[in-house]
Amino acid sequence: MKSIALDEALKRVGQPDEKAMELAKKRWDSVAKPLGSLGALEDAIIRIAGILKTPEVRLDKKAIVICCGDNGIVEEGVTQTGQEVTGIVTENFARGDSCVCLMAEQAGARIIPIDLGVAADLAGTAKEFPIPGKEPLIKNPIWARKISRGTQNFRNGPAMTRAQAVEAVETGIEAAGHLKEQGYSLIGVGEMGIGNTTTSSAVVSALLGLAPEAVTGRGAGLTDAGLAKKIQVIQEGIRNNNPNPADGIDVLSKVGGFDLAGIAGVIIGGAVYGLPVVLDGFITGAAALAAAVICPEAKKFMIGSHVSAEPAGGMVLKALELKPVIYGGMCLGEGTGAAAFFSLLSMAQAVYEKMSSFQEIHIEEYKHLS
């Protein structure tokens, strides 16, 4: 799979198949149960049918792409832990020893970590996009695509150059292309980057035109004083950088991070290669907002999983016009919400595929009543 430039990728964006969605809706209505009784799970299967361009929905090959990178804004003291945790957790992904790895294993999904900008040399890396079974000693090889050892402190200036932001987005698009080539039919996205609730809050504030205090939470745990400082840092960063909300790359480069830009690329890649992309929580939602500005059609390829406990979790999903399934107060990140949703989606897919129809059991079908 050759990488393609962002401008070229945007020219290749497709559209979901309306006929496949219509047939999927008819299949659901024929299943011997009350109409629409699986709610948003039915909607998700219908949406996936349109994206895959077939009502024969198969979800056997699933992957969660985790974009990893460090954030220079950490030096402002906006986090409870140090920057070194990013590298430690990213290596844990490679060993299969993290929350999302264990959850994804239960959901039958593969984990693909990408080092876009971790400020450390990582064990368990692969220069080429990992092929299942090729690296038997490493459970989840880290795709080594380091752009820089972390971003700059966006309080003082842009987090990265525009060229670096584009490179991160293009890497995400390339990852989606590799997964398409390997026969995957469903992608989840996750992230690892200490400080990325700060960058995400800044991105959401800039893109939605909301005050930082309205969209900023405590992240992995801050005191009242810590939260106040976090909000102040975001306010100053936005004021000093003046990100353009009509330009997703500009926002990502000025107040975002390599992880967010990579996730935005995976989402755009879903639109390019015809793959549904399941969001995780607030952080991937922030990246999705940027992706939707860069490529408005990408919204049609996104699927919500859960409402994050972060203050702006619901705001982001509403802006993306996505209906979540899980209201569990989760805020772990890493792609854990996507992994949890995968299991629910597999259950729904089993009903969709295997359940008897009203006709088969000789019962009169339910009717849609106005």
Protein backbone atom coordinates (compact mmCIF):
# COMPACT_ATOMS: atom_id res chain seq x y z
CA MET A 1 0.00 0.00 0.00
CA LYS A 2 1.59 3.26 -1.14
CA SER A 3 1.03 6.39 0.89
CA ILE A 4 -0.86 9.18 -0.84
CA ALA A 5 -0.75 12.92 -0.29
CA LEU A 6 -3.62 14.50 1.63
CA ASP A 7 -4.83 16.52 -1.37
CA GLU A 8 -4.96 13.38 -3.49
CA ALA A 9 -6.68 11.41 -0.74
CA LEU A 10 -9.43 14.00 -0.46
CA LYS A 11 -10.18 13.57 -4.17
CA ARG A 12 -10.77 9.83 -3.60
CA VAL A 13 -13.36 10.15 -0.82
CA GLY A 14 -16.43 8.08 -1.59
CA GLN A 15 -20.03 7.95 -0.42
CA PRO A 16 -21.95 5.30 1.54
CA ASP A 17 -24.27 3.16 -0.58
CA GLU A 18 -27.87 4.23 0.04
CA LYS A 19 -29.26 1.03 -1.50
CA ALA A 20 -27.22 -1.15 0.87
CA MET A 21 -28.50 0.90 3.80
CA GLU A 22 -32.08 0.54 2.61
CA LEU A 23 -31.69 -3.24 2.32
CA ALA A 24 -30.11 -3.41 5.78
CA LYS A 25 -33.06 -1.46 7.20
CA LYS A 26 -35.47 -3.89 5.53
CA ARG A 27 -33.56 -6.82 7.01
CA TRP A 28 -33.86 -5.35 10.49
CA ASP A 29 -37.58 -4.74 10.00
CA SER A 30 -38.06 -8.38 8.95
CA VAL A 31 -36.33 -9.82 12.03
CA ALA A 32 -38.81 -11.36 14.49
CA LYS A 33 -38.61 -8.73 17.20
CA PRO A 34 -40.20 -5.33 17.84
CA LEU A 35 -39.20 -2.72 15.27
CA GLY A 36 -36.11 -0.72 16.18
CA SER A 37 -35.82 -2.47 19.54
CA LEU A 38 -32.00 -2.64 19.40
CA GLY A 39 -31.91 1.12 18.97
CA ALA A 40 -28.58 2.65 18.06
CA LEU A 41 -27.08 -0.79 17.44
CA GLU A 42 -29.45 -1.24 14.51
CA ASP A 43 -28.52 2.21 13.23
CA ALA A 44 -24.83 1.29 13.44
CA ILE A 45 -25.27 -1.90 11.41
CA ILE A 46 -27.25 0.03 8.78
CA ARG A 47 -24.54 2.69 8.62
CA ILE A 48 -21.84 0.04 8.29
CA ALA A 49 -23.78 -1.65 5.48
CA GLY A 50 -23.76 1.62 3.57
CA ILE A 51 -20.05 2.20 4.16
CA LEU A 52 -19.12 -1.36 3.14
CA LYS A 53 -21.59 -1.10 0.24
CA THR A 54 -23.33 -4.38 1.04
CA PRO A 55 -26.18 -5.47 3.33
CA GLU A 56 -24.16 -8.65 4.02
CA VAL A 57 -22.38 -7.14 7.00
CA ARG A 58 -19.28 -9.05 8.13
CA LEU A 59 -17.28 -7.86 11.12
CA ASP A 60 -14.82 -10.74 11.48
CA LYS A 61 -11.70 -8.57 11.03
CA LYS A 62 -11.61 -5.63 13.40
CA ALA A 63 -8.70 -3.43 14.48
CA ILE A 64 -8.12 -0.55 16.86
CA VAL A 65 -5.49 1.92 15.68
CA ILE A 66 -3.85 3.74 18.60
CA CYS A 67 -2.02 6.94 17.66
CA CYS A 68 0.71 7.82 20.16
CA GLY A 69 2.65 11.03 20.72
CA ASP A 70 3.91 13.34 23.42
CA ASN A 71 2.70 16.88 23.98
CA GLY A 72 4.94 19.82 24.84
CA ILE A 73 2.14 21.46 26.80
CA VAL A 74 2.91 19.00 29.63
CA GLU A 75 5.70 21.30 30.77
CA GLU A 76 3.00 23.72 31.96
CA GLY A 77 2.00 21.29 34.72
CA VAL A 78 -1.44 20.48 33.29
CA THR A 79 -1.20 16.74 34.03
CA GLN A 80 -0.94 14.55 37.10
CA THR A 81 1.75 12.30 35.59
CA GLY A 82 4.96 12.96 33.72
CA GLN A 83 5.61 12.74 29.99
CA GLU A 84 7.54 9.48 30.39
CA VAL A 85 4.24 7.64 30.90
CA THR A 86 3.43 7.98 27.18
CA GLY A 87 6.37 5.79 26.19
CA ILE A 88 5.74 3.28 28.96
CA VAL A 89 2.11 2.75 28.01
CA THR A 90 2.92 2.63 24.30
CA GLU A 91 5.36 -0.21 24.97
CA ASN A 92 2.65 -1.88 27.03
CA PHE A 93 0.50 -1.89 23.89
CA ALA A 94 3.25 -3.81 22.12
CA ARG A 95 3.27 -6.41 24.90
CA GLY A 96 -0.51 -6.64 24.97
CA ASP A 97 -0.46 -5.42 28.56
CA SER A 98 -2.92 -2.53 28.76
CA CYS A 99 -6.63 -2.05 29.31
CA VAL A 100 -7.46 -1.71 25.64
CA CYS A 101 -5.39 -4.75 24.70
CA LEU A 102 -7.24 -6.96 27.14
CA MET A 103 -10.62 -5.57 26.12
CA ALA A 104 -9.84 -5.84 22.41
CA GLU A 105 -8.78 -9.45 22.86
CA GLN A 106 -12.22 -10.22 24.30
CA ALA A 107 -13.83 -8.38 21.39
CA GLY A 108 -11.75 -10.22 18.78
CA ALA A 109 -9.95 -7.10 17.60
CA ARG A 110 -6.33 -6.46 16.69
CA ILE A 111 -4.36 -3.60 18.28
CA ILE A 112 -2.13 -1.43 16.08
CA PRO A 113 -0.10 1.21 17.94
CA ILE A 114 1.58 3.93 15.86
CA ASP A 115 4.47 6.00 17.21
CA LEU A 116 3.89 9.39 15.62
CA GLY A 117 5.78 11.43 18.16
CA VAL A 118 6.65 9.69 21.42
CA ALA A 119 9.56 11.44 23.15
CA ALA A 120 11.47 8.18 23.70
CA ASP A 121 12.98 5.29 21.79
CA LEU A 122 10.52 2.43 22.00
CA ALA A 123 11.00 -1.32 22.17
CA GLY A 124 8.77 -3.50 20.01
CA THR A 125 8.75 -1.31 16.92
CA ALA A 126 8.38 -2.28 13.26
CA LYS A 127 9.53 -0.12 10.36
CA GLU A 128 6.83 -1.45 8.06
CA PHE A 129 3.12 -1.59 8.77
CA PRO A 130 2.75 -4.78 10.83
CA ILE A 131 1.45 -7.92 9.15
CA PRO A 132 -0.31 -10.37 11.49
CA GLY A 133 1.92 -13.30 12.38
CA LYS A 134 5.09 -11.82 10.90
CA GLU A 135 6.48 -10.64 14.27
CA PRO A 136 5.65 -13.62 16.54
CA LEU A 137 7.71 -12.37 19.50
CA ILE A 138 5.83 -9.05 19.67
CA LYS A 139 2.12 -9.19 20.31
CA ASN A 140 1.25 -5.77 18.84
CA PRO A 141 4.25 -4.31 16.96
CA ILE A 142 4.45 -0.51 17.12
CA TRP A 143 4.51 1.02 13.65
CA ALA A 144 7.49 3.40 13.84
CA ARG A 145 6.45 6.63 12.13
CA LYS A 146 7.95 9.16 14.53
CA ILE A 147 7.72 12.70 13.15
CA SER A 148 9.35 14.39 16.13
CA ARG A 149 10.03 13.66 19.79
CA GLY A 150 6.84 15.30 20.94
CA THR A 151 5.25 18.60 20.00
CA GLN A 152 6.14 22.07 21.19
CA ASN A 153 4.44 23.87 24.07
CA PHE A 154 1.45 25.49 22.36
CA ARG A 155 1.16 28.11 25.09
CA ASN A 156 4.19 29.78 23.51
CA GLY A 157 3.59 29.06 19.83
CA PRO A 158 2.34 26.37 17.42
CA ALA A 159 2.50 22.80 18.68
CA MET A 160 3.95 21.72 15.34
CA THR A 161 4.51 22.96 11.82
CA ARG A 162 1.75 22.67 9.25
CA ALA A 163 3.90 20.19 7.32
CA GLN A 164 4.22 17.99 10.42
CA ALA A 165 0.46 18.04 10.96
CA VAL A 166 -0.12 17.02 7.35
CA GLU A 167 2.43 14.21 7.70
CA ALA A 168 0.61 12.87 10.76
CA VAL A 169 -2.75 13.01 8.96
CA GLU A 170 -1.27 11.25 5.92
CA THR A 171 0.14 8.53 8.17
CA GLY A 172 -3.33 7.88 9.54
CA ILE A 173 -4.76 7.69 6.02
CA GLU A 174 -2.01 5.25 5.09
CA ALA A 175 -2.85 3.07 8.11
CA ALA A 176 -6.47 2.85 6.97
CA GLY A 177 -5.27 1.87 3.50
CA HIS A 178 -3.12 -0.95 4.87
CA LEU A 179 -6.04 -2.30 6.89
CA LYS A 180 -8.29 -2.21 3.85
CA GLU A 181 -5.63 -4.12 1.92
CA GLN A 182 -5.43 -6.71 4.73
CA GLY A 183 -9.18 -7.32 4.59
CA TYR A 184 -10.36 -5.47 7.69
CA SER A 185 -13.95 -4.26 7.70
CA LEU A 186 -14.09 -2.21 10.91
CA ILE A 187 -11.62 0.21 12.52
CA GLY A 188 -11.67 1.71 15.98
CA VAL A 189 -9.42 4.59 16.98
CA GLY A 190 -7.61 5.27 20.24
CA GLU A 191 -4.76 7.39 21.54
CA MET A 192 -1.91 7.64 23.99
CA GLY A 193 -0.27 10.93 24.84
CA ILE A 194 0.05 12.48 28.28
CA GLY A 195 -1.46 15.96 28.09
CA ASN A 196 -3.89 15.16 25.32
CA THR A 197 -7.02 16.14 27.20
CA THR A 198 -5.47 19.62 27.20
CA THR A 199 -4.79 19.57 23.46
CA SER A 200 -8.22 18.07 22.80
CA SER A 201 -9.97 20.75 24.84
CA ALA A 202 -8.05 23.41 22.93
CA VAL A 203 -9.00 21.86 19.58
CA VAL A 204 -12.68 21.54 20.55
CA SER A 205 -12.74 25.10 21.90
CA ALA A 206 -11.25 26.42 18.67
CA LEU A 207 -13.44 24.37 16.31
CA LEU A 208 -16.76 24.80 18.12
CA GLY A 209 -16.19 28.38 19.20
CA LEU A 210 -16.76 27.54 22.85
CA ALA A 211 -14.95 28.98 25.84
CA PRO A 212 -12.16 26.73 27.17
CA GLU A 213 -13.83 26.54 30.58
CA ALA A 214 -16.92 25.01 28.94
CA VAL A 215 -15.04 22.14 27.30
CA THR A 216 -12.17 21.41 29.70
CA GLY A 217 -12.22 18.71 32.35
CA ARG A 218 -9.87 17.22 34.91
CA GLY A 219 -8.40 14.61 32.54
CA ALA A 220 -6.74 11.82 34.47
CA GLY A 221 -7.27 13.75 37.71
CA LEU A 222 -6.55 17.37 38.62
CA THR A 223 -7.30 19.44 41.69
CA ASP A 224 -9.44 22.57 41.39
CA ALA A 225 -6.25 24.61 41.15
CA GLY A 226 -4.87 22.27 38.51
CA LEU A 227 -8.04 22.54 36.44
CA ALA A 228 -7.98 26.34 36.67
CA LYS A 229 -4.39 26.38 35.44
CA LYS A 230 -5.25 24.00 32.59
CA ILE A 231 -8.04 26.30 31.45
CA GLN A 232 -5.76 29.33 31.66
CA VAL A 233 -3.08 27.60 29.59
CA ILE A 234 -5.63 26.73 26.89
CA GLN A 235 -6.97 30.30 26.87
CA GLU A 236 -3.48 31.71 26.41
CA GLY A 237 -2.55 29.12 23.77
CA ILE A 238 -5.62 29.90 21.67
CA ARG A 239 -5.10 33.64 22.05
CA ASN A 240 -1.42 33.44 21.12
CA ASN A 241 -1.88 31.08 18.15
CA ASN A 242 -5.27 32.26 16.80
CA PRO A 243 -6.17 28.91 15.15
CA ASN A 244 -8.53 29.18 12.18
CA PRO A 245 -11.68 27.08 12.83
CA ALA A 246 -12.31 26.81 9.08
CA ASP A 247 -8.94 25.06 8.62
CA GLY A 248 -8.63 21.75 10.47
CA ILE A 249 -4.94 21.40 9.73
CA ASP A 250 -4.29 24.87 11.12
CA VAL A 251 -6.08 24.01 14.37
CA LEU A 252 -4.28 20.68 14.74
CA SER A 253 -0.87 22.21 14.04
CA LYS A 254 -1.33 25.14 16.42
CA VAL A 255 -3.00 23.59 19.47
CA GLY A 256 -3.29 19.86 18.71
CA GLY A 257 -0.92 16.92 18.84
CA PHE A 258 0.52 14.17 16.67
CA ASP A 259 -1.94 11.68 18.14
CA LEU A 260 -4.95 13.84 17.25
CA ALA A 261 -3.68 14.49 13.73
CA GLY A 262 -3.02 10.77 13.20
CA ILE A 263 -6.53 9.88 14.36
CA ALA A 264 -8.01 12.52 12.04
CA GLY A 265 -6.09 10.82 9.23
CA VAL A 266 -7.42 7.35 10.09
CA ILE A 267 -10.95 8.77 10.00
CA ILE A 268 -10.36 10.44 6.64
CA GLY A 269 -8.79 7.18 5.49
CA GLY A 270 -12.05 5.45 6.33
CA ALA A 271 -13.81 7.79 3.89
CA VAL A 272 -11.12 7.21 1.27
CA TYR A 273 -11.04 3.40 1.51
CA GLY A 274 -14.64 2.71 2.48
CA LEU A 275 -14.17 1.58 6.08
CA PRO A 276 -16.33 2.46 9.09
CA VAL A 277 -14.36 4.12 11.89
CA VAL A 278 -15.57 3.80 15.48
CA LEU A 279 -14.63 6.68 17.74
CA ASP A 280 -13.62 6.23 21.36
CA GLY A 281 -14.28 9.18 23.66
CA PHE A 282 -13.55 12.88 23.97
CA ILE A 283 -10.03 12.84 22.55
CA THR A 284 -10.85 10.88 19.41
CA GLY A 285 -13.97 13.04 19.12
CA ALA A 286 -11.80 16.16 19.06
CA ALA A 287 -9.75 14.59 16.26
CA ALA A 288 -12.97 13.68 14.46
CA LEU A 289 -14.10 17.32 14.57
CA ALA A 290 -10.86 18.31 12.86
CA ALA A 291 -11.28 15.50 10.31
CA ALA A 292 -14.78 16.75 9.52
CA VAL A 293 -13.44 20.24 8.81
CA ILE A 294 -10.68 18.89 6.57
CA CYS A 295 -13.04 16.42 4.87
CA PRO A 296 -16.76 17.06 5.56
CA GLU A 297 -17.78 13.75 3.95
CA ALA A 298 -15.78 11.88 6.60
CA LYS A 299 -18.66 12.36 9.07
CA LYS A 300 -20.62 9.74 7.12
CA PHE A 301 -17.95 7.14 7.91
CA MET A 302 -17.81 7.76 11.68
CA ILE A 303 -19.64 5.73 14.31
CA GLY A 304 -20.00 6.81 17.94
CA SER A 305 -19.33 4.30 20.71
CA HIS A 306 -19.83 6.01 24.08
CA VAL A 307 -20.29 9.36 25.77
CA SER A 308 -17.11 10.33 27.57
CA ALA A 309 -17.27 11.56 31.14
CA GLU A 310 -15.27 14.62 30.05
CA PRO A 311 -17.47 17.77 30.09
CA ALA A 312 -17.52 18.17 26.31
CA GLY A 313 -17.97 14.47 25.49
CA GLY A 314 -21.64 14.90 24.62
CA MET A 315 -21.06 18.25 22.89
CA VAL A 316 -18.59 16.71 20.48
CA LEU A 317 -20.90 13.84 19.53
CA LYS A 318 -23.78 16.26 19.01
CA ALA A 319 -21.63 18.41 16.74
CA LEU A 320 -20.70 15.29 14.74
CA GLU A 321 -24.37 14.18 14.63
CA LEU A 322 -23.46 10.81 16.13
CA LYS A 323 -25.64 8.65 18.34
CA PRO A 324 -23.63 6.79 21.02
CA VAL A 325 -24.62 3.41 22.43
CA ILE A 326 -22.80 3.34 25.78
CA TYR A 327 -23.50 5.76 28.64
CA GLY A 328 -21.09 4.34 31.16
CA GLY A 329 -19.19 7.31 32.52
CA MET A 330 -15.99 6.02 30.88
CA CYS A 331 -12.97 8.28 30.36
CA LEU A 332 -10.01 5.91 30.12
CA GLY A 333 -9.09 6.51 26.46
CA GLU A 334 -6.72 4.23 24.54
CA GLY A 335 -9.67 3.05 22.42
CA THR A 336 -11.36 1.21 25.30
CA GLY A 337 -14.78 2.63 24.42
CA ALA A 338 -14.41 1.37 20.87
CA ALA A 339 -13.40 -2.06 22.17
CA ALA A 340 -16.45 -2.22 24.44
CA PHE A 341 -18.67 -1.17 21.56
CA PHE A 342 -17.16 -3.83 19.28
CA SER A 343 -18.55 -6.54 21.58
CA LEU A 344 -22.03 -5.03 21.54
CA LEU A 345 -21.83 -4.58 17.79
CA SER A 346 -20.89 -8.25 17.31
CA MET A 347 -23.98 -9.25 19.28
CA ALA A 348 -26.16 -7.02 17.12
CA GLN A 349 -24.56 -8.38 13.96
CA ALA A 350 -25.38 -11.93 15.10
CA VAL A 351 -29.04 -11.01 15.52
CA TYR A 352 -29.05 -9.20 12.18
CA GLU A 353 -27.54 -12.19 10.38
CA LYS A 354 -29.01 -15.21 12.16
CA MET A 355 -32.36 -14.26 13.68
CA SER A 356 -35.44 -15.76 12.06
CA SER A 357 -37.74 -13.45 10.16
CA PHE A 358 -41.44 -13.00 10.86
CA GLN A 359 -42.15 -14.76 7.59
CA GLU A 360 -40.02 -17.78 8.54
CA ILE A 361 -41.89 -18.32 11.81
CA HIS A 362 -45.27 -17.45 10.27
CA ILE A 363 -46.04 -14.41 12.39
CA GLU A 364 -47.45 -11.18 11.02
CA GLU A 365 -44.79 -8.49 10.80
CA TYR A 366 -44.80 -5.37 12.95
CA LYS A 367 -45.81 -2.24 11.05
CA HIS A 368 -44.30 1.22 11.28
CA LEU A 369 -47.01 3.45 12.78
CA SER A 370 -46.98 7.18 12.15
